[in-house]
Amino acid sequence: MPSPHPLLPRSTPAASGMSSRAITALLDRLDAHSVECHSLMIVHRGHVIAEGWWAPYDADRPHLLYSLTKSFTAIAVGLAVTDGLLSPDDRIAQILPEHVPADLHRQAHRLTVHHLLSMTTGHRTDSLAEAWQREPGDLVTGFLRVPFPDPVGTRHAYDNPTTFILARMVEKVTGRPLPDLLDERLFLPMGIDHAEWDRVASGAAFGFHGLHLRTEAVAAFGQLLLREGRWGERQLIPRSWVRLATRPHIDTQPFEDGSGNADYLRGYGYQFWISRHGYHGDGSFGQLCVVVPSHDLVVAVTGAHTRAQAVLDAIWECLLPGVGHAASTPDDAASARDDAGDAASTRDDAGDAASARDDELLAERLRRLSLPPVPGSAAPHRSAKARLDASTEDSALPDATTVAVDPVGGGWLVRFGPFPEIGSLPGAETFLDVEVGHGEWRESSPLGRPVVATGAWQGDTFVAELYVITTPHRVRLVVDTGTGTAVATWNIAPLTGSDLRVHLRSPLMTRPDVA
C-alpha cells in the first residue's frame, strides 16, 4: 500500500528490468530464516518496483530506525561543512570547549570531526554506558573522560557517543537543533514531513539513535545518496560529501561473538558501513538502507530481529541475480518454437506474458504480508485479573502490577496499574489502558504513542501481543487465571530501557543509563 503522498514514482519489476521471481526468492529466504520484517521497499532505476508491510505495520507509520539515524547525522555534518561552518579537521576542544574537562588527556585534545565520523577515537568498545556513568548530565564530557587505550585514528570501534558529539557540534556551529536543520535542508525539500525524534532528558535529539521515518522516506534517502545528493533539480547534499561519507576510511573488526559478518568487515565510512556491494546504513534489530550504485538499486527494510547479515545475504544472493533478467519464458514453449519463422517475436510475447504474470503474483503476495494474530477463542463474557510477575527476563512492567482483562466490543480492554504518576502530587495515580482485538489488530494511544494489539483465550490463559507500532518492539502478555499471575515480556528489549510506559510516550525522552 503506497503512501498517499508518494516520494518516489512507481513501476513494475518487469518494466524496470528486474525479475519478480528474484524478489519472491528474497521473501522466501527471509521466511525460511525466520527473519521478522516489518516493511520492505525495493527501488530500481529510480522507481519503487516492490513494497510491502507486514500487518499490523503499514505504509503510513514511521518506524524507529535506531542507529540508521547516524547516517542522517553524518549528512547534517556535511551540510555544516558545505556552509563553511565546520571542517573534518576541527577538534572537539575547539568547537565545544565548555564540555572539555580541565584534566583532559592530551589524546582527547587531538580528536577531530573526522575521527568522530569514522569512529576512530582510540576506544576499543562502545563507551556509551561508561561515559554516561562518569558524567550523567553531560555525555560529551563523559566521553572525553573515558580512557583511550589506542592511538587516535588507528582502530575502528563502534562508539555511540561519537555521533552524539557530532550532533552537538553541528548544533553549536549552525545555531539550530539537529532536527530543524535536517527538516529545512533535507526532509522538507524531499517532501518528507513526518520525521520524529526521540530525545535525551535535556530535550536534545540523540543523534546516534531515535529518528522515526516511514519506509518510503528511508528508501528516498537511499535514492538521494545513489544520485550523489541530487533530488530532482536540486543538489541537496554536495556530491563530494556523499562520495566522502560512503567510501571506506578505516578497516573494521570482527564481531566479538564470532558470528558471520561479511558485510561488516569491508570497512567503515562516515557513519556508513561499506558492503560487499555498495554501502548501507544500519540500525539495531533490522533497520537497513542498502545502496548498490553498480545495480542502480536501493533496498529499505525495517524489522525486529538480530539477523541483519542474513538480510544482506538474501539481497546479494536472491535479488541481485534478478537485475536485468525480467523475462521468464517457459523452456518448453521456447524450444517448441525454435524452428518457427516468428520464433523470436513469439518468445518475446511469451516472456512478456510470463513476466506480467509473475509481477501480479508478487504484488498479491506483498498485499497479503502479515504477522500472525494470536490464535484462540474470543470467550466474549470472560474476564480476568492477575498480578504481574516481573522476575522473567525482559519484563516490560514492574513486579506486582495489577492486570485486568475485560471484554469490550468483540475484543478486550486490558488495564495495567494503578501506577504512581511521575512528577505529580503524592498519591496521584494513573492507569495504562490498552485495547486488544480478536482476530484483528485494535489501536489505542494510552500515553500518546500508538499501541496496536491482538489477543485470544487459549484455555484458561489469556494471551495478547501489544505492538508499540512505531518501533520494532512488542510486549507479549500472558495471563494465567489458574495461578492469578501474569507476565509481560518484550520480543526484543528496547535499548533505552524496559519500562513499557516510557516507550508509550511521544517523544520518548530518556537516557540509555536510566532504565
Protein backbone atom coordinates (compact mmCIF):
# COMPACT_ATOMS: atom_id res chain seq x y z
CA MET A 1 0.00 0.00 0.00
CA PRO A 2 1.85 3.12 -1.20
CA SER A 3 1.75 6.33 0.80
CA PRO A 4 -0.96 8.82 -0.24
CA HIS A 5 1.85 11.32 -0.86
CA PRO A 6 4.49 9.28 -2.70
CA LEU A 7 8.06 10.48 -2.68
CA LEU A 8 9.15 8.15 -5.48
CA PRO A 9 7.49 7.08 -8.75
CA ARG A 10 6.12 3.54 -9.08
CA SER A 11 6.76 0.88 -11.67
CA THR A 12 6.69 -2.90 -12.01
CA PRO A 13 9.64 -5.25 -11.76
CA ALA A 14 9.29 -6.29 -15.41
CA ALA A 15 9.16 -2.69 -16.66
CA SER A 16 12.29 -1.93 -14.66
CA GLY A 17 14.22 -4.94 -15.89
CA MET A 18 14.01 -6.84 -12.61
CA SER A 19 12.82 -10.41 -12.14
CA SER A 20 9.77 -10.73 -9.90
CA ARG A 21 10.94 -14.25 -9.15
CA ALA A 22 14.12 -12.83 -7.63
CA ILE A 23 12.04 -10.69 -5.27
CA THR A 24 9.87 -13.71 -4.45
CA ALA A 25 13.06 -15.68 -3.73
CA LEU A 26 14.14 -12.89 -1.38
CA LEU A 27 10.84 -13.16 0.53
CA ASP A 28 11.13 -16.95 0.62
CA ARG A 29 14.65 -16.69 2.04
CA LEU A 30 13.57 -14.30 4.78
CA ASP A 31 10.70 -16.63 5.70
CA ALA A 32 12.97 -19.68 5.70
CA HIS A 33 15.40 -17.99 8.07
CA SER A 34 12.58 -16.70 10.35
CA VAL A 35 13.64 -13.09 9.81
CA GLU A 36 10.85 -10.86 11.13
CA CYS A 37 10.45 -7.95 8.75
CA HIS A 38 8.00 -5.10 9.16
CA SER A 39 8.47 -3.49 5.77
CA LEU A 40 10.36 -3.88 2.51
CA MET A 41 10.78 -1.42 -0.34
CA ILE A 42 12.88 -2.02 -3.44
CA VAL A 43 13.84 0.88 -5.71
CA HIS A 44 15.37 0.12 -9.11
CA ARG A 45 16.26 2.75 -11.69
CA GLY A 46 14.62 5.37 -9.51
CA HIS A 47 11.22 3.64 -9.31
CA VAL A 48 9.64 1.66 -6.48
CA ILE A 49 9.12 -1.78 -8.02
CA ALA A 50 8.13 -3.72 -4.89
CA GLU A 51 6.80 -2.64 -1.50
CA GLY A 52 5.12 -4.42 1.35
CA TRP A 53 4.29 -4.11 5.04
CA TRP A 54 3.69 -7.00 7.38
CA ALA A 55 0.39 -6.18 9.13
CA PRO A 56 -0.16 -4.54 11.57
CA TYR A 57 2.66 -2.33 10.22
CA ASP A 58 1.69 -0.13 7.28
CA ALA A 59 2.97 2.47 4.85
CA ASP A 60 1.75 5.50 6.78
CA ARG A 61 3.50 4.76 10.07
CA PRO A 62 7.02 5.92 10.90
CA HIS A 63 9.36 3.29 12.30
CA LEU A 64 12.17 3.73 14.82
CA LEU A 65 15.46 3.48 12.90
CA TYR A 66 17.85 3.06 15.83
CA SER A 67 21.42 3.59 14.57
CA LEU A 68 20.39 4.15 10.96
CA THR A 69 19.86 7.62 12.44
CA LYS A 70 23.66 8.01 12.43
CA SER A 71 23.75 8.19 8.64
CA PHE A 72 21.37 11.16 8.70
CA THR A 73 23.52 12.92 11.30
CA ALA A 74 26.53 12.40 9.04
CA ILE A 75 24.67 14.23 6.29
CA ALA A 76 23.95 17.10 8.70
CA VAL A 77 27.69 17.30 9.34
CA GLY A 78 28.21 17.51 5.58
CA LEU A 79 25.77 20.41 5.34
CA ALA A 80 27.67 22.29 8.05
CA VAL A 81 30.94 21.59 6.23
CA THR A 82 29.40 22.81 2.96
CA ASP A 83 28.39 26.05 4.65
CA GLY A 84 31.96 26.59 5.84
CA LEU A 85 30.92 26.30 9.47
CA LEU A 86 32.73 23.04 10.21
CA SER A 87 35.69 21.08 8.89
CA PRO A 88 36.67 17.39 9.18
CA ASP A 89 39.84 18.68 10.87
CA ASP A 90 38.04 20.69 13.56
CA ARG A 91 38.60 19.38 17.07
CA ILE A 92 36.08 18.74 19.80
CA ALA A 93 38.02 21.01 22.14
CA GLN A 94 37.76 23.87 19.63
CA ILE A 95 34.03 23.59 18.93
CA LEU A 96 32.74 22.51 22.35
CA PRO A 97 35.23 24.00 24.85
CA GLU A 98 32.55 24.26 27.55
CA HIS A 99 32.45 20.44 27.70
CA VAL A 100 36.20 19.92 27.98
CA PRO A 101 37.38 18.89 31.48
CA ALA A 102 40.44 20.67 32.87
CA ASP A 103 42.38 17.41 33.19
CA LEU A 104 41.67 16.26 29.62
CA HIS A 105 44.11 13.66 28.32
CA ARG A 106 46.27 15.03 25.52
CA GLN A 107 44.95 12.41 23.06
CA ALA A 108 41.43 13.68 23.61
CA HIS A 109 42.65 17.14 22.60
CA ARG A 110 43.53 15.71 19.17
CA LEU A 111 40.09 14.25 18.40
CA THR A 112 38.59 15.72 15.25
CA VAL A 113 35.32 15.59 13.32
CA HIS A 114 36.97 13.01 11.05
CA HIS A 115 37.77 10.74 13.99
CA LEU A 116 34.22 11.01 15.28
CA LEU A 117 32.67 10.32 11.87
CA SER A 118 34.87 7.28 11.25
CA MET A 119 34.72 6.13 14.91
CA THR A 120 38.49 6.04 15.24
CA THR A 121 38.89 7.91 18.52
CA GLY A 122 41.03 5.28 20.26
CA HIS A 123 38.31 3.48 22.22
CA ARG A 124 38.14 -0.29 21.78
CA THR A 125 34.46 -0.72 22.62
CA ASP A 126 31.31 1.37 22.79
CA SER A 127 31.89 3.94 25.53
CA LEU A 128 28.23 4.96 25.97
CA ALA A 129 27.50 3.32 29.32
CA GLU A 130 30.77 4.36 30.92
CA ALA A 131 30.61 7.89 29.54
CA TRP A 132 27.13 8.48 30.96
CA GLN A 133 28.11 6.88 34.23
CA ARG A 134 31.10 9.21 34.57
CA GLU A 135 29.06 12.32 33.71
CA PRO A 136 25.30 11.64 33.98
CA GLY A 137 24.41 15.17 32.89
CA ASP A 138 26.93 15.60 30.07
CA LEU A 139 27.69 12.80 27.62
CA VAL A 140 30.32 14.86 25.79
CA THR A 141 32.38 15.37 28.95
CA GLY A 142 31.81 11.77 29.98
CA PHE A 143 33.09 10.54 26.63
CA LEU A 144 36.26 12.64 26.96
CA ARG A 145 36.88 11.18 30.43
CA VAL A 146 36.76 7.55 29.23
CA PRO A 147 40.35 6.27 28.75
CA PHE A 148 41.69 6.00 25.18
CA PRO A 149 43.84 2.85 25.03
CA ASP A 150 44.72 3.08 21.31
CA PRO A 151 46.31 5.91 19.31
CA VAL A 152 43.79 8.17 17.63
CA GLY A 153 42.92 7.22 14.06
CA THR A 154 44.35 3.68 14.20
CA ARG A 155 41.38 1.47 15.07
CA HIS A 156 37.64 1.42 14.42
CA ALA A 157 35.31 0.72 17.34
CA TYR A 158 31.56 1.20 17.09
CA ASP A 159 31.06 4.01 19.59
CA ASN A 160 27.65 5.70 20.01
CA PRO A 161 28.81 8.89 21.76
CA THR A 162 30.84 9.90 18.70
CA THR A 163 27.61 10.63 16.83
CA PHE A 164 26.04 12.35 19.82
CA ILE A 165 29.02 14.72 19.89
CA LEU A 166 28.77 15.32 16.14
CA ALA A 167 25.13 16.33 16.59
CA ARG A 168 26.11 18.79 19.33
CA MET A 169 28.92 20.21 17.17
CA VAL A 170 26.54 20.75 14.26
CA GLU A 171 24.08 22.49 16.57
CA LYS A 172 26.82 24.67 18.02
CA VAL A 173 28.15 25.94 14.68
CA THR A 174 24.76 26.30 12.96
CA GLY A 175 22.84 27.62 15.96
CA ARG A 176 19.99 25.24 15.16
CA PRO A 177 18.72 21.97 16.62
CA LEU A 178 19.67 18.96 14.51
CA PRO A 179 16.04 18.08 13.63
CA ASP A 180 15.33 21.63 12.46
CA LEU A 181 18.42 21.71 10.25
CA LEU A 182 17.58 18.41 8.59
CA ASP A 183 13.94 19.43 8.17
CA GLU A 184 14.92 22.59 6.31
CA ARG A 185 17.80 21.28 4.23
CA LEU A 186 16.86 17.67 3.59
CA PHE A 187 13.45 16.38 4.62
CA LEU A 188 11.09 19.15 3.52
CA PRO A 189 12.77 19.63 0.11
CA MET A 190 12.31 15.89 -0.43
CA GLY A 191 8.66 16.02 0.64
CA ILE A 192 9.24 14.27 3.99
CA ASP A 193 7.06 15.99 6.59
CA HIS A 194 6.80 13.35 9.30
CA ALA A 195 10.28 12.95 10.82
CA GLU A 196 10.06 12.25 14.57
CA TRP A 197 12.96 12.23 17.02
CA ASP A 198 13.44 10.61 20.40
CA ARG A 199 15.40 12.79 22.79
CA VAL A 200 17.65 12.72 25.82
CA ALA A 201 16.48 14.18 29.11
CA SER A 202 17.64 17.68 28.16
CA GLY A 203 15.41 17.66 25.08
CA ALA A 204 18.22 17.29 22.54
CA ALA A 205 17.92 14.67 19.80
CA PHE A 206 20.10 11.63 20.42
CA GLY A 207 21.72 11.92 17.00
CA PHE A 208 23.06 8.38 17.19
CA HIS A 209 19.57 6.89 17.51
CA GLY A 210 15.93 7.88 17.78
CA LEU A 211 14.84 9.02 14.32
CA HIS A 212 11.45 7.67 13.20
CA LEU A 213 10.66 7.71 9.46
CA ARG A 214 8.29 5.95 7.11
CA THR A 215 9.80 3.23 4.98
CA GLU A 216 9.46 5.26 1.80
CA ALA A 217 11.40 8.12 3.38
CA VAL A 218 14.24 5.70 4.14
CA ALA A 219 14.14 4.45 0.55
CA ALA A 220 14.08 8.03 -0.75
CA PHE A 221 17.13 8.83 1.40
CA GLY A 222 18.91 5.87 -0.20
CA GLN A 223 17.90 7.11 -3.65
CA LEU A 224 19.21 10.58 -2.80
CA LEU A 225 22.55 9.03 -1.88
CA LEU A 226 22.54 6.87 -5.01
CA ARG A 227 22.13 10.05 -7.08
CA GLU A 228 25.01 11.57 -5.09
CA GLY A 229 22.90 14.13 -3.27
CA ARG A 230 20.67 15.25 -6.13
CA TRP A 231 16.88 15.33 -5.71
CA GLY A 232 15.03 16.33 -8.84
CA GLU A 233 16.65 19.55 -9.99
CA ARG A 234 18.25 20.35 -6.63
CA GLN A 235 21.62 19.33 -5.25
CA LEU A 236 20.63 18.91 -1.60
CA ILE A 237 23.92 17.36 -0.48
CA PRO A 238 27.24 18.13 -2.18
CA ARG A 239 28.33 15.27 -4.41
CA SER A 240 31.77 15.40 -2.86
CA TRP A 241 30.37 14.83 0.64
CA VAL A 242 28.28 11.82 -0.40
CA ARG A 243 31.34 10.28 -2.01
CA LEU A 244 33.48 11.04 1.04
CA ALA A 245 30.92 9.68 3.52
CA THR A 246 30.27 6.44 1.65
CA ARG A 247 33.83 5.32 0.97
CA PRO A 248 35.92 3.33 3.48
CA HIS A 249 38.07 5.33 5.91
CA ILE A 250 39.13 2.55 8.26
CA ASP A 251 39.17 -1.24 8.44
CA THR A 252 36.54 -2.82 10.66
CA GLN A 253 36.99 -5.52 13.29
CA PRO A 254 35.31 -8.95 13.53
CA PHE A 255 32.40 -9.21 15.94
CA GLU A 256 33.38 -10.47 19.37
CA ASP A 257 30.87 -13.33 19.22
CA GLY A 258 32.50 -14.71 16.08
CA SER A 259 29.25 -14.57 14.08
CA GLY A 260 29.30 -14.28 10.33
CA ASN A 261 29.56 -10.63 9.36
CA ALA A 262 30.85 -10.46 5.80
CA ASP A 263 29.24 -7.06 5.23
CA TYR A 264 30.66 -5.59 8.43
CA LEU A 265 34.29 -6.35 7.59
CA ARG A 266 34.54 -4.20 4.45
CA GLY A 267 35.39 -1.00 6.24
CA TYR A 268 33.56 1.98 7.71
CA GLY A 269 32.90 5.33 6.11
CA TYR A 270 31.42 8.39 7.75
CA GLN A 271 28.59 6.70 9.69
CA PHE A 272 28.01 4.24 6.84
CA TRP A 273 29.06 0.59 6.57
CA ILE A 274 30.80 -0.49 3.39
CA SER A 275 29.14 -3.59 1.93
CA ARG A 276 30.23 -6.30 -0.48
CA HIS A 277 28.09 -4.39 -2.95
CA GLY A 278 27.78 -0.66 -2.32
CA TYR A 279 27.18 0.52 1.24
CA HIS A 280 24.46 0.63 3.86
CA GLY A 281 23.12 2.46 6.88
CA ASP A 282 22.32 0.09 9.71
CA GLY A 283 20.10 0.23 12.80
CA SER A 284 19.64 -2.30 15.58
CA PHE A 285 17.02 -5.02 15.15
CA GLY A 286 16.89 -4.95 11.36
CA GLN A 287 16.63 -1.34 10.16
CA LEU A 288 18.55 -1.11 6.86
CA CYS A 289 19.04 1.28 3.97
CA VAL A 290 21.09 -0.55 1.34
CA VAL A 291 22.51 1.38 -1.63
CA VAL A 292 24.02 -0.50 -4.58
CA PRO A 293 25.16 2.02 -7.22
CA SER A 294 26.50 -0.71 -9.53
CA HIS A 295 22.95 -2.08 -9.93
CA ASP A 296 21.04 1.25 -9.63
CA LEU A 297 19.34 -0.31 -6.63
CA VAL A 298 18.12 0.76 -3.18
CA VAL A 299 16.54 -1.56 -0.61
CA ALA A 300 14.89 -0.28 2.57
CA VAL A 301 13.96 -2.75 5.29
CA THR A 302 12.53 -2.42 8.79
CA GLY A 303 12.01 -5.26 11.22
CA ALA A 304 12.53 -6.85 14.62
CA HIS A 305 15.41 -9.31 14.59
CA THR A 306 19.16 -9.62 15.04
CA ARG A 307 19.81 -11.11 11.59
CA ALA A 308 20.98 -8.13 9.53
CA GLN A 309 23.66 -10.21 7.85
CA ALA A 310 21.04 -12.76 6.79
CA VAL A 311 19.03 -9.95 5.15
CA LEU A 312 22.10 -8.67 3.30
CA ASP A 313 22.98 -12.20 2.19
CA ALA A 314 19.46 -12.60 0.81
CA ILE A 315 19.73 -9.32 -1.11
CA TRP A 316 23.02 -10.34 -2.70
CA GLU A 317 22.13 -13.97 -3.40
CA CYS A 318 18.45 -13.68 -4.31
CA LEU A 319 17.82 -10.15 -5.52
CA LEU A 320 20.96 -9.08 -7.39
CA PRO A 321 20.87 -12.03 -9.82
CA GLY A 322 17.42 -10.83 -10.89
CA VAL A 323 18.63 -7.41 -12.05
CA GLY A 324 18.40 -7.28 -15.85
CA HIS A 325 16.52 -10.60 -16.08
CA ALA A 326 12.85 -9.67 -16.11
CA ALA A 327 11.71 -12.21 -18.70
CA SER A 328 10.95 -15.76 -17.61
CA THR A 329 9.80 -17.62 -20.74
CA PRO A 330 8.93 -21.30 -20.07
CA ASP A 331 11.60 -23.60 -21.51
CA ASP A 332 9.13 -25.90 -23.23
CA ALA A 333 7.39 -23.01 -25.01
CA ALA A 334 10.72 -21.65 -26.25
CA SER A 335 12.05 -24.98 -27.51
CA ALA A 336 8.80 -25.81 -29.31
CA ARG A 337 9.09 -22.66 -31.41
CA ASP A 338 12.79 -22.72 -32.22
CA ASP A 339 12.22 -23.52 -35.89
CA ALA A 340 9.28 -21.20 -36.47
CA GLY A 341 9.86 -18.13 -38.58
CA ASP A 342 8.45 -15.83 -35.92
CA ALA A 343 10.09 -17.68 -33.01
CA ALA A 344 11.90 -14.63 -31.63
CA SER A 345 8.77 -12.49 -31.58
CA THR A 346 6.70 -15.28 -30.09
CA ARG A 347 9.27 -15.90 -27.39
CA ASP A 348 9.26 -12.20 -26.57
CA ASP A 349 5.48 -12.21 -26.27
CA ALA A 350 5.56 -15.33 -24.12
CA GLY A 351 8.27 -13.79 -21.97
CA ASP A 352 6.29 -10.57 -21.53
CA ALA A 353 3.20 -12.53 -20.53
CA ALA A 354 5.15 -14.65 -18.07
CA SER A 355 6.79 -11.60 -16.54
CA ALA A 356 3.43 -9.85 -16.18
CA ARG A 357 2.01 -12.94 -14.51
CA ASP A 358 5.00 -13.09 -12.14
CA ASP A 359 4.54 -9.40 -11.32
CA GLU A 360 0.87 -10.00 -10.45
CA LEU A 361 1.69 -12.96 -8.23
CA LEU A 362 4.35 -10.94 -6.42
CA ALA A 363 2.03 -7.94 -5.98
CA GLU A 364 -0.64 -10.19 -4.47
CA ARG A 365 1.86 -11.75 -2.08
CA LEU A 366 3.07 -8.32 -0.99
CA ARG A 367 -0.51 -7.22 -0.33
CA ARG A 368 -1.09 -10.25 1.94
CA LEU A 369 2.00 -9.89 4.14
CA SER A 370 1.13 -10.19 7.82
CA LEU A 371 2.49 -11.12 11.19
CA PRO A 372 0.29 -13.81 12.78
CA PRO A 373 -2.55 -12.74 15.08
CA VAL A 374 -2.80 -14.56 18.38
CA PRO A 375 -4.72 -17.83 17.87
CA GLY A 376 -7.52 -18.85 20.20
CA SER A 377 -11.12 -18.08 21.11
CA ALA A 378 -12.93 -14.85 21.94
CA ALA A 379 -14.78 -16.09 25.09
CA PRO A 380 -16.78 -12.82 24.96
CA HIS A 381 -18.07 -12.92 28.55
CA ARG A 382 -14.85 -13.88 30.28
CA SER A 383 -12.76 -11.54 32.43
CA ALA A 384 -9.50 -12.00 34.30
CA LYS A 385 -7.44 -10.30 36.96
CA ALA A 386 -3.85 -11.07 37.94
CA ARG A 387 -0.62 -9.78 39.43
CA LEU A 388 2.40 -9.33 37.23
CA ASP A 389 5.49 -11.45 37.85
CA ALA A 390 8.45 -9.31 36.73
CA SER A 391 11.10 -11.94 37.50
CA THR A 392 11.06 -13.11 33.90
CA GLU A 393 13.77 -11.80 31.60
CA ASP A 394 12.89 -8.61 29.69
CA SER A 395 9.79 -7.86 31.76
CA ALA A 396 8.01 -4.76 30.48
CA LEU A 397 6.33 -3.56 33.71
CA PRO A 398 7.09 -3.51 37.45
CA ASP A 399 6.57 -6.52 39.68
CA ALA A 400 3.10 -6.95 41.24
CA THR A 401 1.44 -4.63 38.71
CA THR A 402 -2.30 -5.38 38.62
CA VAL A 403 -3.53 -6.63 35.23
CA ALA A 404 -7.27 -6.67 34.47
CA VAL A 405 -8.77 -8.11 31.27
CA ASP A 406 -12.39 -7.25 30.43
CA PRO A 407 -14.37 -7.99 27.22
CA VAL A 408 -15.27 -4.87 25.22
CA GLY A 409 -16.83 -4.69 21.73
CA GLY A 410 -15.70 -8.06 20.45
CA GLY A 411 -12.25 -7.62 21.94
CA TRP A 412 -10.85 -6.63 25.31
CA LEU A 413 -9.70 -3.73 27.40
CA VAL A 414 -6.51 -4.58 29.28
CA ARG A 415 -5.84 -2.28 32.23
CA PHE A 416 -2.45 -2.13 33.92
CA GLY A 417 -2.00 -0.30 37.21
CA PRO A 418 -2.57 1.90 39.04
CA PHE A 419 0.93 3.37 38.91
CA PRO A 420 2.26 6.38 40.82
CA GLU A 421 2.14 9.32 38.43
CA ILE A 422 5.69 10.54 37.91
CA GLY A 423 6.06 14.22 38.70
CA SER A 424 2.60 14.58 40.20
CA LEU A 425 1.47 15.29 43.74
CA PRO A 426 1.87 12.50 46.31
CA GLY A 427 -0.91 9.96 45.99
CA ALA A 428 -1.66 10.73 42.31
CA GLU A 429 -2.06 7.54 40.26
CA THR A 430 -2.58 6.60 36.64
CA PHE A 431 -3.66 3.52 34.67
CA LEU A 432 -2.41 2.15 31.39
CA ASP A 433 -5.38 1.07 29.24
CA VAL A 434 -4.75 -0.90 26.04
CA GLU A 435 -7.45 -2.06 23.61
CA VAL A 436 -6.99 -5.58 22.21
CA GLY A 437 -8.74 -7.09 19.19
CA HIS A 438 -9.66 -10.71 18.48
CA GLY A 439 -8.60 -11.93 15.02
CA GLU A 440 -7.71 -8.33 14.22
CA TRP A 441 -5.50 -5.54 15.48
CA ARG A 442 -7.05 -2.81 17.57
CA GLU A 443 -5.33 0.54 18.16
CA SER A 444 -5.16 2.79 21.22
CA SER A 445 -2.83 5.54 22.43
CA PRO A 446 -2.89 5.42 26.22
CA LEU A 447 0.09 7.73 26.74
CA GLY A 448 0.49 9.39 23.34
CA ARG A 449 2.27 6.77 21.22
CA PRO A 450 0.04 4.19 19.48
CA VAL A 451 -0.24 0.56 20.52
CA VAL A 452 -1.79 -2.00 18.17
CA ALA A 453 -2.86 -5.22 19.88
CA THR A 454 -4.37 -8.62 19.16
CA GLY A 455 -5.25 -11.38 21.61
CA ALA A 456 -7.23 -14.53 22.40
CA TRP A 457 -8.12 -17.01 25.10
CA GLN A 458 -6.17 -20.26 25.00
CA GLY A 459 -7.91 -22.47 27.54
CA ASP A 460 -7.55 -20.76 30.93
CA THR A 461 -4.86 -18.40 29.64
CA PHE A 462 -5.33 -15.02 28.01
CA VAL A 463 -2.58 -14.12 25.52
CA ALA A 464 -2.09 -10.74 23.79
CA GLU A 465 0.58 -9.14 21.62
CA LEU A 466 0.95 -5.39 22.22
CA TYR A 467 2.82 -3.77 19.33
CA VAL A 468 4.49 -0.42 20.03
CA ILE A 469 3.79 0.10 16.39
CA THR A 470 6.26 2.90 15.58
CA THR A 471 9.13 0.76 16.87
CA PRO A 472 10.45 -2.79 16.33
CA HIS A 473 9.14 -3.75 19.77
CA ARG A 474 6.11 -5.52 21.15
CA VAL A 475 5.09 -6.97 24.51
CA ARG A 476 3.62 -10.44 24.89
CA LEU A 477 1.13 -10.56 27.74
CA VAL A 478 0.19 -13.94 29.23
CA VAL A 479 -2.45 -14.03 31.99
CA ASP A 480 -2.89 -17.35 33.79
CA THR A 481 -6.27 -17.43 35.51
CA GLY A 482 -5.37 -20.62 37.35
CA THR A 483 -2.49 -19.04 39.28
CA GLY A 484 -3.67 -15.42 39.15
CA THR A 485 -0.30 -14.36 37.72
CA ALA A 486 0.72 -12.64 34.53
CA VAL A 487 3.92 -11.99 32.61
CA ALA A 488 4.57 -9.18 30.13
CA THR A 489 7.81 -9.60 28.17
CA TRP A 490 9.42 -7.83 25.22
CA ASN A 491 10.06 -9.67 21.95
CA ILE A 492 13.34 -7.70 21.90
CA ALA A 493 14.03 -5.38 24.82
CA PRO A 494 14.40 -1.72 23.77
CA LEU A 495 17.90 -0.36 24.12
CA THR A 496 16.62 2.66 26.04
CA GLY A 497 15.09 0.76 28.95
CA SER A 498 12.47 -1.91 29.57
CA ASP A 499 9.57 0.02 31.14
CA LEU A 500 6.70 -0.07 28.64
CA ARG A 501 5.30 3.22 29.95
CA VAL A 502 8.40 5.10 28.85
CA HIS A 503 8.04 3.83 25.28
CA LEU A 504 4.39 4.82 25.02
CA ARG A 505 5.18 8.50 25.50
CA SER A 506 5.92 10.66 22.49
CA PRO A 507 8.51 11.93 22.11
CA LEU A 508 10.41 9.38 24.11
CA MET A 509 12.74 11.28 26.45
CA THR A 510 15.23 9.23 28.39
CA ARG A 511 18.89 8.41 28.81
CA PRO A 512 20.21 4.93 27.99
CA ASP A 513 21.65 4.69 31.51
CA VAL A 514 18.32 5.10 33.31
CA ALA A 515 16.28 2.01 32.56
